[in-house]
Amino acid sequence: MAGAVCVRSFLAPEVNRREILRYAGVRAEAPELEKPLEECLREAGEILVYRVCYREFPVTMHGDMLDLGFARTDSADLKKNLEGCRSLVLFAATVGIALDRLIEKYSRLSPARAVLLQAVGAERIESLCDAFGQELAGRMEAEGLSLRPRFSPGYGDFPLSMQTPIFDALDCPRKIGVSLNASLLMSPSKSVTAVIGLAPGASGSDGSGQKDCSDRREA
């Protein structure tokens, strides 16, 4: 894995309907949403893709700066997250541009349906990141390594400007079709970039303990 950018396609992870409703702002039982949600899941399920590109880098300290192998940062929060790690996995994940187009269509035809589709996309990209973390944890365990919770640009004091070197390091547009605009927002919008620290020893972590900030940036 070290050195080269790897690309993986995943099968659709299991759907968490309760999590979708949480993303949609529904805090109580809502039987009236069961049918619309199932319709959204069927329509989205026909167009979603689950793709990840990733690369391993060494982690070192240079004075007060944390050298991530692809960039340097003085983020105190990331330093704490990566404490004891000698390497990291940098990754980008997406469920594809077709969902953005579907949401745009329903924003004109049915705003309520568009909200549900936004929530479906948020749950789907999080589930993809979890699936990648679980697979990575299984492989790293054989090497005597455990995973730290994933950490995304924009979380804590890890600056959103880190998106630029991340995209350079992973070649996201060519590898998985994800681009970055001048405002540092990703397209497709249901995409995530993150760092996962690799630490010596076993901990049972699968890299999914820390929520990414991607869903907050999409609002």
Protein backbone atom coordinates (compact mmCIF):
# COMPACT_ATOMS: atom_id res chain seq x y z
CA MET A 1 0.00 0.00 0.00
CA ALA A 2 2.86 2.42 0.73
CA GLY A 3 3.83 4.78 -2.05
CA ALA A 4 1.15 4.13 -4.66
CA VAL A 5 -2.43 5.36 -4.69
CA CYS A 6 -4.78 2.37 -4.42
CA VAL A 7 -8.39 2.39 -5.60
CA ARG A 8 -11.20 0.18 -4.25
CA SER A 9 -14.84 -0.26 -5.20
CA PHE A 10 -17.21 -1.55 -2.51
CA LEU A 11 -20.58 -3.22 -2.57
CA ALA A 12 -23.40 -1.17 -1.04
CA PRO A 13 -23.07 -1.23 2.78
CA GLU A 14 -26.09 -2.15 4.87
CA VAL A 15 -28.53 0.76 5.15
CA ASN A 16 -29.20 2.36 8.53
CA ARG A 17 -32.68 3.90 8.15
CA ARG A 18 -32.66 5.43 11.61
CA GLU A 19 -29.44 7.24 10.79
CA ILE A 20 -30.92 8.54 7.54
CA LEU A 21 -33.87 10.00 9.43
CA ARG A 22 -31.49 11.57 11.94
CA TYR A 23 -29.64 13.29 9.09
CA ALA A 24 -33.04 14.48 7.80
CA GLY A 25 -33.75 16.09 11.17
CA VAL A 26 -36.39 13.55 12.26
CA ARG A 27 -36.10 12.95 16.02
CA ALA A 28 -39.18 10.79 16.63
CA GLU A 29 -40.99 7.87 15.04
CA ALA A 30 -42.30 8.93 11.63
CA PRO A 31 -44.31 6.12 10.00
CA GLU A 32 -45.51 8.55 7.33
CA LEU A 33 -41.93 8.70 6.03
CA GLU A 34 -41.48 4.96 5.62
CA LYS A 35 -42.84 4.80 2.07
CA PRO A 36 -41.08 7.96 0.79
CA LEU A 37 -37.82 6.77 2.33
CA GLU A 38 -38.07 3.36 0.68
CA GLU A 39 -38.76 5.06 -2.66
CA CYS A 40 -35.71 7.28 -2.19
CA LEU A 41 -33.55 4.30 -1.30
CA ARG A 42 -34.69 2.41 -4.39
CA GLU A 43 -34.10 5.37 -6.69
CA ALA A 44 -30.72 6.23 -5.18
CA GLY A 45 -29.66 2.59 -5.06
CA GLU A 46 -29.76 2.41 -8.84
CA ILE A 47 -27.21 5.21 -9.29
CA LEU A 48 -24.88 5.17 -6.28
CA VAL A 49 -21.27 4.05 -6.57
CA TYR A 50 -18.96 3.28 -3.64
CA ARG A 51 -15.36 4.19 -4.45
CA VAL A 52 -12.31 4.89 -2.30
CA CYS A 53 -8.74 5.85 -3.12
CA TYR A 54 -6.04 5.74 -0.45
CA ARG A 55 -2.32 5.92 0.20
CA GLU A 56 -0.03 5.26 3.15
CA PHE A 57 2.45 7.85 4.48
CA PRO A 58 4.95 8.02 7.36
CA VAL A 59 4.23 10.32 10.31
CA THR A 60 7.05 12.29 11.96
CA MET A 61 7.46 15.38 14.13
CA HIS A 62 9.67 18.30 13.11
CA GLY A 63 9.74 20.73 16.01
CA ASP A 64 6.16 21.91 16.49
CA MET A 65 5.13 20.70 13.04
CA LEU A 66 3.53 17.37 12.30
CA ASP A 67 4.85 15.92 9.04
CA LEU A 68 2.13 13.82 7.43
CA GLY A 69 4.25 12.75 4.49
CA PHE A 70 2.16 14.75 2.01
CA ALA A 71 1.99 18.02 4.00
CA ARG A 72 2.88 19.59 7.34
CA THR A 73 0.49 20.99 9.95
CA ASP A 74 0.61 22.42 13.46
CA SER A 75 -2.90 21.14 14.26
CA ALA A 76 -2.94 20.30 17.97
CA ASP A 77 -6.07 18.18 17.56
CA LEU A 78 -4.53 16.04 14.84
CA LYS A 79 -1.31 15.69 16.83
CA LYS A 80 -3.34 14.28 19.71
CA ASN A 81 -5.22 11.94 17.37
CA LEU A 82 -1.99 10.62 15.81
CA GLU A 83 0.07 10.42 19.01
CA GLY A 84 2.15 7.24 18.94
CA CYS A 85 1.48 6.63 15.23
CA ARG A 86 4.38 6.00 12.87
CA SER A 87 2.27 6.01 9.73
CA LEU A 88 -1.17 6.96 8.44
CA VAL A 89 -3.59 6.14 5.67
CA LEU A 90 -4.90 9.10 3.71
CA PHE A 91 -8.13 8.38 1.86
CA ALA A 92 -10.92 9.91 -0.18
CA ALA A 93 -14.34 8.31 -0.65
CA THR A 94 -17.40 9.11 -2.74
CA VAL A 95 -20.82 7.76 -3.67
CA GLY A 96 -20.78 9.53 -7.02
CA ILE A 97 -22.14 12.57 -8.87
CA ALA A 98 -25.43 11.01 -10.00
CA LEU A 99 -26.97 11.52 -6.55
CA ASP A 100 -26.21 15.26 -6.69
CA ARG A 101 -28.09 15.44 -9.99
CA LEU A 102 -31.04 13.55 -8.53
CA ILE A 103 -31.16 15.88 -5.52
CA GLU A 104 -31.03 18.90 -7.82
CA LYS A 105 -33.98 17.53 -9.82
CA TYR A 106 -36.11 16.98 -6.72
CA SER A 107 -35.17 20.35 -5.24
CA ARG A 108 -37.42 21.75 -7.97
CA LEU A 109 -40.06 19.00 -8.08
CA SER A 110 -40.33 17.95 -4.43
CA PRO A 111 -38.19 19.72 -1.79
CA ALA A 112 -39.22 17.15 0.84
CA ARG A 113 -37.94 14.33 -1.37
CA ALA A 114 -34.71 16.28 -1.90
CA VAL A 115 -34.20 16.50 1.88
CA LEU A 116 -34.62 12.75 2.22
CA LEU A 117 -32.17 12.13 -0.62
CA GLN A 118 -29.63 14.46 1.02
CA ALA A 119 -29.98 12.38 4.18
CA VAL A 120 -29.62 9.13 2.23
CA GLY A 121 -26.40 10.47 0.71
CA ALA A 122 -25.00 11.49 4.09
CA GLU A 123 -25.69 8.04 5.56
CA ARG A 124 -24.33 6.27 2.48
CA ILE A 125 -20.98 8.11 2.47
CA GLU A 126 -20.55 7.57 6.21
CA SER A 127 -21.33 3.87 5.79
CA LEU A 128 -18.78 3.66 2.97
CA CYS A 129 -16.11 5.24 5.18
CA ASP A 130 -16.97 2.77 7.95
CA ALA A 131 -16.74 -0.16 5.53
CA PHE A 132 -13.34 1.01 4.34
CA GLY A 133 -12.17 1.43 7.94
CA GLN A 134 -13.32 -2.05 8.88
CA GLU A 135 -11.55 -3.61 5.90
CA LEU A 136 -8.39 -1.63 6.63
CA ALA A 137 -8.48 -2.63 10.31
CA GLY A 138 -8.58 -6.31 9.34
CA ARG A 139 -5.51 -5.97 7.15
CA MET A 140 -3.55 -3.81 9.59
CA GLU A 141 -4.22 -6.19 12.48
CA ALA A 142 -2.12 -8.80 10.66
CA GLU A 143 0.76 -6.31 10.76
CA GLY A 144 0.33 -5.63 14.48
CA LEU A 145 -1.25 -2.23 13.91
CA SER A 146 -4.48 -0.64 15.09
CA LEU A 147 -6.46 2.24 13.62
CA ARG A 148 -7.08 5.63 15.17
CA PRO A 149 -10.43 7.35 14.54
CA ARG A 150 -10.53 9.00 11.13
CA PHE A 151 -9.93 12.74 11.08
CA SER A 152 -11.10 15.07 8.29
CA PRO A 153 -10.00 18.58 7.26
CA GLY A 154 -12.27 21.11 8.93
CA TYR A 155 -12.54 19.09 12.15
CA GLY A 156 -11.16 20.88 15.21
CA ASP A 157 -8.13 22.94 14.24
CA PHE A 158 -7.18 20.74 11.26
CA PRO A 159 -7.67 23.35 8.52
CA LEU A 160 -9.93 22.91 5.52
CA SER A 161 -7.04 24.22 3.42
CA MET A 162 -5.48 20.77 3.81
CA GLN A 163 -7.86 19.62 1.10
CA THR A 164 -5.48 20.97 -1.54
CA PRO A 165 -2.45 18.81 -0.64
CA ILE A 166 -4.77 15.86 0.00
CA PHE A 167 -6.16 16.08 -3.52
CA ASP A 168 -2.65 16.45 -4.91
CA ALA A 169 -1.44 13.39 -3.00
CA LEU A 170 -4.36 11.16 -3.99
CA ASP A 171 -5.08 12.49 -7.50
CA CYS A 172 -8.77 12.34 -6.60
CA PRO A 173 -10.19 13.64 -9.91
CA ARG A 174 -8.48 10.95 -11.93
CA LYS A 175 -8.71 8.12 -9.41
CA ILE A 176 -12.33 8.39 -8.23
CA GLY A 177 -13.82 11.41 -10.04
CA VAL A 178 -13.87 13.83 -7.09
CA SER A 179 -12.88 17.46 -7.70
CA LEU A 180 -12.20 20.43 -5.44
CA ASN A 181 -13.42 23.95 -6.17
CA ALA A 182 -11.93 27.32 -5.20
CA SER A 183 -13.98 27.31 -1.99
CA LEU A 184 -12.47 23.92 -1.04
CA LEU A 185 -15.81 22.14 -1.45
CA MET A 186 -15.88 18.72 -3.06
CA SER A 187 -17.88 17.53 -6.03
CA PRO A 188 -19.62 15.10 -5.77
CA SER A 189 -20.86 16.66 -2.54
CA LYS A 190 -21.30 13.28 -0.86
CA SER A 191 -17.55 12.74 -0.62
CA VAL A 192 -15.12 12.57 2.30
CA THR A 193 -11.39 12.94 2.76
CA ALA A 194 -9.71 11.86 5.99
CA VAL A 195 -6.57 10.70 7.76
CA ILE A 196 -6.48 7.43 9.72
CA GLY A 197 -3.53 6.94 12.02
CA LEU A 198 -1.85 3.52 12.28
CA ALA A 199 -0.56 2.77 15.76
CA PRO A 200 1.43 -0.22 17.05
CA GLY A 201 -0.67 -2.72 19.02
CA ALA A 202 -4.28 -3.84 18.96
CA SER A 203 -7.16 -1.64 20.06
CA GLY A 204 -10.23 -2.93 18.24
CA SER A 205 -10.76 0.40 16.48
CA ASP A 206 -11.94 0.36 12.88
CA GLY A 207 -11.16 3.98 12.02
CA SER A 208 -14.78 5.07 12.34
CA GLY A 209 -14.89 6.47 15.88
CA GLN A 210 -14.48 10.10 14.89
CA LYS A 211 -17.21 11.74 12.87
CA ASP A 212 -16.04 13.53 9.75
CA CYS A 213 -17.06 17.13 9.18
CA SER A 214 -18.04 16.51 5.57
CA ASP A 215 -21.78 16.47 6.24
CA ARG A 216 -21.56 19.84 7.99
CA ARG A 217 -19.77 21.38 4.99
CA GLU A 218 -22.51 20.17 2.63
CA ALA A 219 -25.27 22.17 4.29
